[in-house]
Amino acid sequence: MQAVLKDLTLDPVFQPRVNIDMRVVSEYADLMADGTVFPPVLVYQTADDYIVVDGWHRVMAAKQAGMTEIEAEYRVGTRDDAAWECCRANALHGLNRSAEDRHKAIRAAISLRSHTSDRA
């Protein structure tokens, strides 16, 4: 499904990385302008927003390439659901997570699920 870029929220609270790699954004933008098709970004539809939880580099690249829409997978949930999904973002695909990115995800996961046991 297509998402309108201007309707998507890029909230730093839901950024799973420590830093955005602008070199990668530019590389993706060039590829998009040449017609390369990327996997859909993951968007959580909450009561208030359409939050990008996986695909920040692709969304920023699409904007840089002058696009108005991007392919997206939508899930309906809460802001907590979106934050939990951010902890998993990029674990198995995309630009490899740095050690700092992994530590940020672990800290976020612990914070989000502090009420559960270690085993859970």
N, C-alpha and C. Protein backbone atom coordinates (compact mmCIF):
# COMPACT_ATOMS: atom_id res chain seq x y z
N MET A 1 0.84 -1.17 0.00
CA MET A 1 0.00 0.00 0.00
C MET A 1 0.90 1.24 0.00
N GLN A 2 0.50 2.24 -0.70
CA GLN A 2 1.27 3.48 -0.78
C GLN A 2 0.96 4.38 0.42
N ALA A 3 1.99 5.00 0.96
CA ALA A 3 1.84 5.97 2.04
C ALA A 3 2.26 7.33 1.50
N VAL A 4 1.51 8.36 1.86
CA VAL A 4 1.86 9.72 1.49
C VAL A 4 2.94 10.20 2.47
N LEU A 5 4.08 10.57 1.93
CA LEU A 5 5.23 10.91 2.78
C LEU A 5 4.92 12.02 3.78
N LYS A 6 4.17 13.02 3.36
CA LYS A 6 3.90 14.14 4.26
C LYS A 6 3.02 13.74 5.45
N ASP A 7 2.35 12.59 5.36
CA ASP A 7 1.50 12.13 6.45
C ASP A 7 2.24 11.26 7.46
N LEU A 8 3.47 10.89 7.14
CA LEU A 8 4.22 10.00 8.02
C LEU A 8 4.97 10.78 9.09
N THR A 9 4.99 10.24 10.30
CA THR A 9 5.67 10.86 11.42
C THR A 9 7.02 10.21 11.63
N LEU A 10 8.06 11.03 11.59
CA LEU A 10 9.42 10.60 11.93
C LEU A 10 9.75 11.19 13.30
N ASP A 11 9.29 10.54 14.33
CA ASP A 11 9.47 11.00 15.70
C ASP A 11 10.73 10.35 16.27
N PRO A 12 11.69 11.15 16.75
CA PRO A 12 12.93 10.58 17.28
C PRO A 12 12.72 9.54 18.37
N VAL A 13 11.61 9.59 19.08
CA VAL A 13 11.30 8.58 20.08
C VAL A 13 11.24 7.19 19.44
N PHE A 14 10.85 7.16 18.17
CA PHE A 14 10.69 5.89 17.44
C PHE A 14 11.81 5.66 16.43
N GLN A 15 12.95 6.25 16.67
CA GLN A 15 14.11 6.04 15.81
C GLN A 15 14.99 4.98 16.47
N PRO A 16 15.08 3.82 15.85
CA PRO A 16 15.84 2.74 16.48
C PRO A 16 17.36 2.92 16.41
N ARG A 17 17.82 3.84 15.62
CA ARG A 17 19.27 4.04 15.49
C ARG A 17 19.73 5.25 16.31
N VAL A 18 21.00 5.24 16.64
CA VAL A 18 21.59 6.36 17.34
C VAL A 18 21.73 7.54 16.38
N ASN A 19 22.12 7.25 15.13
CA ASN A 19 22.32 8.30 14.11
C ASN A 19 21.78 7.84 12.76
N ILE A 20 21.31 8.80 11.98
CA ILE A 20 20.95 8.55 10.59
C ILE A 20 22.22 8.72 9.76
N ASP A 21 22.47 7.79 8.87
CA ASP A 21 23.63 7.87 7.99
C ASP A 21 23.21 8.58 6.71
N MET A 22 23.55 9.86 6.61
CA MET A 22 23.12 10.66 5.47
C MET A 22 23.75 10.19 4.16
N ARG A 23 24.89 9.54 4.25
CA ARG A 23 25.51 8.96 3.05
C ARG A 23 24.60 7.86 2.49
N VAL A 24 24.04 7.05 3.37
CA VAL A 24 23.11 5.99 2.96
C VAL A 24 21.82 6.60 2.41
N VAL A 25 21.33 7.65 3.05
CA VAL A 25 20.13 8.32 2.56
C VAL A 25 20.35 8.81 1.13
N SER A 26 21.48 9.44 0.87
CA SER A 26 21.78 9.93 -0.48
C SER A 26 21.92 8.79 -1.48
N GLU A 27 22.57 7.71 -1.05
CA GLU A 27 22.70 6.54 -1.93
C GLU A 27 21.33 5.96 -2.27
N TYR A 28 20.48 5.81 -1.26
CA TYR A 28 19.13 5.29 -1.50
C TYR A 28 18.34 6.24 -2.40
N ALA A 29 18.48 7.56 -2.19
CA ALA A 29 17.75 8.54 -3.00
C ALA A 29 18.15 8.41 -4.47
N ASP A 30 19.44 8.25 -4.73
CA ASP A 30 19.89 8.07 -6.12
C ASP A 30 19.30 6.81 -6.73
N LEU A 31 19.30 5.73 -5.96
CA LEU A 31 18.74 4.48 -6.45
C LEU A 31 17.24 4.59 -6.71
N MET A 32 16.54 5.25 -5.81
CA MET A 32 15.10 5.45 -5.98
C MET A 32 14.80 6.29 -7.22
N ALA A 33 15.60 7.34 -7.43
CA ALA A 33 15.42 8.19 -8.61
C ALA A 33 15.65 7.41 -9.89
N ASP A 34 16.49 6.37 -9.83
CA ASP A 34 16.76 5.52 -10.99
C ASP A 34 15.75 4.39 -11.13
N GLY A 35 14.77 4.33 -10.21
CA GLY A 35 13.72 3.33 -10.33
C GLY A 35 13.87 2.08 -9.50
N THR A 36 14.90 2.01 -8.66
CA THR A 36 15.06 0.85 -7.80
C THR A 36 13.91 0.78 -6.81
N VAL A 37 13.34 -0.41 -6.67
CA VAL A 37 12.23 -0.62 -5.74
C VAL A 37 12.79 -1.17 -4.43
N PHE A 38 12.43 -0.52 -3.34
CA PHE A 38 12.88 -0.92 -2.00
C PHE A 38 11.74 -1.64 -1.28
N PRO A 39 12.07 -2.41 -0.25
CA PRO A 39 11.01 -3.03 0.55
C PRO A 39 10.14 -1.96 1.20
N PRO A 40 8.91 -2.30 1.54
CA PRO A 40 8.04 -1.31 2.19
C PRO A 40 8.56 -0.92 3.56
N VAL A 41 8.30 0.31 3.95
CA VAL A 41 8.60 0.77 5.30
C VAL A 41 7.49 0.26 6.22
N LEU A 42 7.77 0.19 7.50
CA LEU A 42 6.77 -0.26 8.47
C LEU A 42 6.23 0.94 9.22
N VAL A 43 4.91 1.09 9.17
CA VAL A 43 4.23 2.24 9.77
C VAL A 43 3.18 1.73 10.76
N TYR A 44 3.18 2.30 11.95
CA TYR A 44 2.15 2.00 12.93
C TYR A 44 1.12 3.12 12.90
N GLN A 45 -0.13 2.72 12.68
CA GLN A 45 -1.23 3.67 12.74
C GLN A 45 -1.74 3.66 14.16
N THR A 46 -1.53 4.78 14.87
CA THR A 46 -2.02 4.92 16.24
C THR A 46 -3.23 5.83 16.20
N ALA A 47 -3.76 6.14 17.36
CA ALA A 47 -4.93 7.03 17.42
C ALA A 47 -4.62 8.40 16.84
N ASP A 48 -3.34 8.82 16.90
CA ASP A 48 -2.98 10.18 16.50
C ASP A 48 -2.07 10.30 15.29
N ASP A 49 -1.31 9.25 14.98
CA ASP A 49 -0.24 9.39 14.00
C ASP A 49 -0.07 8.16 13.13
N TYR A 50 0.72 8.35 12.08
CA TYR A 50 1.26 7.26 11.27
C TYR A 50 2.76 7.27 11.53
N ILE A 51 3.21 6.42 12.45
CA ILE A 51 4.58 6.45 12.95
C ILE A 51 5.45 5.49 12.17
N VAL A 52 6.54 6.00 11.59
CA VAL A 52 7.51 5.15 10.91
C VAL A 52 8.37 4.50 11.98
N VAL A 53 8.34 3.15 12.03
CA VAL A 53 9.16 2.44 13.02
C VAL A 53 10.29 1.66 12.36
N ASP A 54 10.20 1.44 11.08
CA ASP A 54 11.27 0.76 10.35
C ASP A 54 11.28 1.31 8.93
N GLY A 55 12.38 2.00 8.59
CA GLY A 55 12.49 2.56 7.25
C GLY A 55 12.80 4.04 7.20
N TRP A 56 13.38 4.55 8.27
CA TRP A 56 13.71 5.99 8.29
C TRP A 56 14.61 6.39 7.15
N HIS A 57 15.65 5.61 6.88
CA HIS A 57 16.56 5.95 5.79
C HIS A 57 15.81 5.98 4.46
N ARG A 58 14.91 5.03 4.25
CA ARG A 58 14.14 4.98 3.00
C ARG A 58 13.17 6.15 2.88
N VAL A 59 12.52 6.52 3.97
CA VAL A 59 11.59 7.66 3.94
C VAL A 59 12.35 8.94 3.65
N MET A 60 13.46 9.15 4.32
CA MET A 60 14.25 10.36 4.08
C MET A 60 14.80 10.38 2.66
N ALA A 61 15.19 9.22 2.15
CA ALA A 61 15.69 9.13 0.77
C ALA A 61 14.58 9.45 -0.23
N ALA A 62 13.40 8.93 0.01
CA ALA A 62 12.28 9.19 -0.89
C ALA A 62 11.98 10.68 -0.95
N LYS A 63 12.01 11.34 0.20
CA LYS A 63 11.80 12.80 0.23
C LYS A 63 12.91 13.51 -0.54
N GLN A 64 14.15 13.08 -0.32
CA GLN A 64 15.28 13.69 -1.01
C GLN A 64 15.18 13.50 -2.51
N ALA A 65 14.62 12.36 -2.93
CA ALA A 65 14.47 12.06 -4.36
C ALA A 65 13.27 12.76 -4.98
N GLY A 66 12.52 13.52 -4.17
CA GLY A 66 11.38 14.26 -4.68
C GLY A 66 10.11 13.44 -4.81
N MET A 67 10.08 12.29 -4.20
CA MET A 67 8.89 11.45 -4.25
C MET A 67 7.83 11.99 -3.28
N THR A 68 6.59 11.65 -3.53
CA THR A 68 5.51 12.06 -2.63
C THR A 68 4.90 10.87 -1.89
N GLU A 69 5.19 9.66 -2.36
CA GLU A 69 4.65 8.45 -1.75
C GLU A 69 5.74 7.39 -1.66
N ILE A 70 5.51 6.44 -0.77
CA ILE A 70 6.43 5.32 -0.61
C ILE A 70 5.60 4.09 -0.26
N GLU A 71 6.09 2.93 -0.67
CA GLU A 71 5.41 1.69 -0.34
C GLU A 71 5.53 1.45 1.17
N ALA A 72 4.41 1.07 1.81
CA ALA A 72 4.41 0.89 3.26
C ALA A 72 3.55 -0.29 3.66
N GLU A 73 3.95 -0.91 4.76
CA GLU A 73 3.14 -1.91 5.44
C GLU A 73 2.60 -1.23 6.68
N TYR A 74 1.29 -1.30 6.86
CA TYR A 74 0.65 -0.66 8.01
C TYR A 74 0.25 -1.69 9.05
N ARG A 75 0.43 -1.30 10.30
CA ARG A 75 -0.09 -2.06 11.43
C ARG A 75 -0.83 -1.08 12.33
N VAL A 76 -1.89 -1.53 12.92
CA VAL A 76 -2.66 -0.70 13.84
C VAL A 76 -2.23 -1.07 15.25
N GLY A 77 -1.97 -0.06 16.06
CA GLY A 77 -1.56 -0.32 17.43
C GLY A 77 -1.40 0.95 18.23
N THR A 78 -0.82 0.78 19.38
CA THR A 78 -0.59 1.91 20.29
C THR A 78 0.83 2.44 20.09
N ARG A 79 1.11 3.55 20.75
CA ARG A 79 2.47 4.08 20.72
C ARG A 79 3.44 3.10 21.36
N ASP A 80 3.00 2.37 22.40
CA ASP A 80 3.85 1.35 23.01
C ASP A 80 4.13 0.21 22.04
N ASP A 81 3.12 -0.18 21.26
CA ASP A 81 3.34 -1.22 20.24
C ASP A 81 4.39 -0.76 19.25
N ALA A 82 4.28 0.48 18.84
CA ALA A 82 5.24 1.04 17.87
C ALA A 82 6.64 1.08 18.48
N ALA A 83 6.75 1.50 19.73
CA ALA A 83 8.05 1.57 20.39
C ALA A 83 8.66 0.18 20.52
N TRP A 84 7.85 -0.82 20.85
CA TRP A 84 8.35 -2.19 20.97
C TRP A 84 8.87 -2.68 19.62
N GLU A 85 8.15 -2.39 18.55
CA GLU A 85 8.58 -2.81 17.22
C GLU A 85 9.90 -2.14 16.84
N CYS A 86 10.11 -0.91 17.29
CA CYS A 86 11.38 -0.22 17.02
C CYS A 86 12.57 -1.00 17.57
N CYS A 87 12.36 -1.69 18.67
CA CYS A 87 13.46 -2.47 19.28
C CYS A 87 13.93 -3.57 18.35
N ARG A 88 13.03 -4.06 17.48
CA ARG A 88 13.36 -5.14 16.56
C ARG A 88 13.82 -4.64 15.20
N ALA A 89 13.60 -3.39 14.91
CA ALA A 89 13.89 -2.84 13.58
C ALA A 89 15.37 -3.03 13.21
N ASN A 90 15.59 -3.45 12.01
CA ASN A 90 16.92 -3.61 11.43
C ASN A 90 17.75 -4.73 12.05
N ALA A 91 17.15 -5.58 12.84
CA ALA A 91 17.90 -6.68 13.45
C ALA A 91 18.33 -7.69 12.38
N LEU A 92 17.52 -7.87 11.36
CA LEU A 92 17.79 -8.90 10.36
C LEU A 92 17.88 -8.40 8.94
N HIS A 93 17.75 -7.10 8.72
CA HIS A 93 17.78 -6.57 7.35
C HIS A 93 18.28 -5.13 7.35
N GLY A 94 18.46 -4.61 6.17
CA GLY A 94 18.85 -3.21 6.02
C GLY A 94 20.28 -2.94 6.45
N LEU A 95 20.56 -1.69 6.67
CA LEU A 95 21.87 -1.25 7.14
C LEU A 95 22.13 -1.90 8.50
N ASN A 96 23.27 -2.57 8.64
CA ASN A 96 23.59 -3.25 9.89
C ASN A 96 23.56 -2.27 11.06
N ARG A 97 23.05 -2.77 12.19
CA ARG A 97 23.04 -1.94 13.40
C ARG A 97 24.43 -1.89 14.00
N SER A 98 24.80 -0.72 14.49
CA SER A 98 26.07 -0.56 15.19
C SER A 98 25.91 -1.09 16.61
N ALA A 99 27.00 -1.21 17.32
CA ALA A 99 26.93 -1.63 18.72
C ALA A 99 26.07 -0.64 19.52
N GLU A 100 26.21 0.64 19.21
CA GLU A 100 25.41 1.66 19.91
C GLU A 100 23.93 1.50 19.59
N ASP A 101 23.60 1.15 18.33
CA ASP A 101 22.21 0.92 17.95
C ASP A 101 21.63 -0.26 18.73
N ARG A 102 22.42 -1.33 18.84
CA ARG A 102 21.96 -2.53 19.58
C ARG A 102 21.75 -2.18 21.05
N HIS A 103 22.66 -1.42 21.62
CA HIS A 103 22.52 -1.03 23.03
C HIS A 103 21.29 -0.15 23.23
N LYS A 104 21.03 0.75 22.29
CA LYS A 104 19.84 1.60 22.39
C LYS A 104 18.58 0.74 22.35
N ALA A 105 18.54 -0.26 21.48
CA ALA A 105 17.38 -1.14 21.37
C ALA A 105 17.18 -1.94 22.66
N ILE A 106 18.26 -2.41 23.23
CA ILE A 106 18.17 -3.18 24.48
C ILE A 106 17.65 -2.31 25.62
N ARG A 107 18.20 -1.09 25.72
CA ARG A 107 17.73 -0.19 26.78
C ARG A 107 16.24 0.13 26.60
N ALA A 108 15.82 0.36 25.37
CA ALA A 108 14.41 0.66 25.11
C ALA A 108 13.53 -0.54 25.46
N ALA A 109 13.96 -1.73 25.08
CA ALA A 109 13.17 -2.93 25.37
C ALA A 109 13.03 -3.15 26.87
N ILE A 110 14.11 -2.96 27.61
CA ILE A 110 14.06 -3.12 29.07
C ILE A 110 13.11 -2.09 29.67
N SER A 111 13.19 -0.87 29.19
CA SER A 111 12.32 0.18 29.70
C SER A 111 10.85 -0.11 29.41
N LEU A 112 10.57 -0.59 28.20
CA LEU A 112 9.19 -0.87 27.81
C LEU A 112 8.58 -2.06 28.54
N ARG A 113 9.41 -3.01 28.90
CA ARG A 113 8.92 -4.24 29.53
C ARG A 113 9.50 -4.43 30.93
N SER A 114 9.74 -3.34 31.63
CA SER A 114 10.35 -3.41 32.95
C SER A 114 9.47 -4.16 33.95
N HIS A 115 8.20 -4.27 33.69
CA HIS A 115 7.27 -4.94 34.60
C HIS A 115 7.24 -6.46 34.42
N THR A 116 7.95 -6.98 33.41
CA THR A 116 7.94 -8.42 33.18
C THR A 116 9.21 -9.06 33.75
N SER A 117 9.19 -10.37 33.84
CA SER A 117 10.34 -11.09 34.38
C SER A 117 11.46 -11.16 33.36
N ASP A 118 12.66 -11.49 33.81
CA ASP A 118 13.81 -11.67 32.91
C ASP A 118 13.52 -12.77 31.91
N ARG A 119 12.89 -13.83 32.35
CA ARG A 119 12.60 -14.96 31.47
C ARG A 119 11.65 -14.54 30.34
N ALA A 120 10.67 -13.72 30.65
CA ALA A 120 9.72 -13.26 29.62
C ALA A 120 10.45 -12.43 28.61
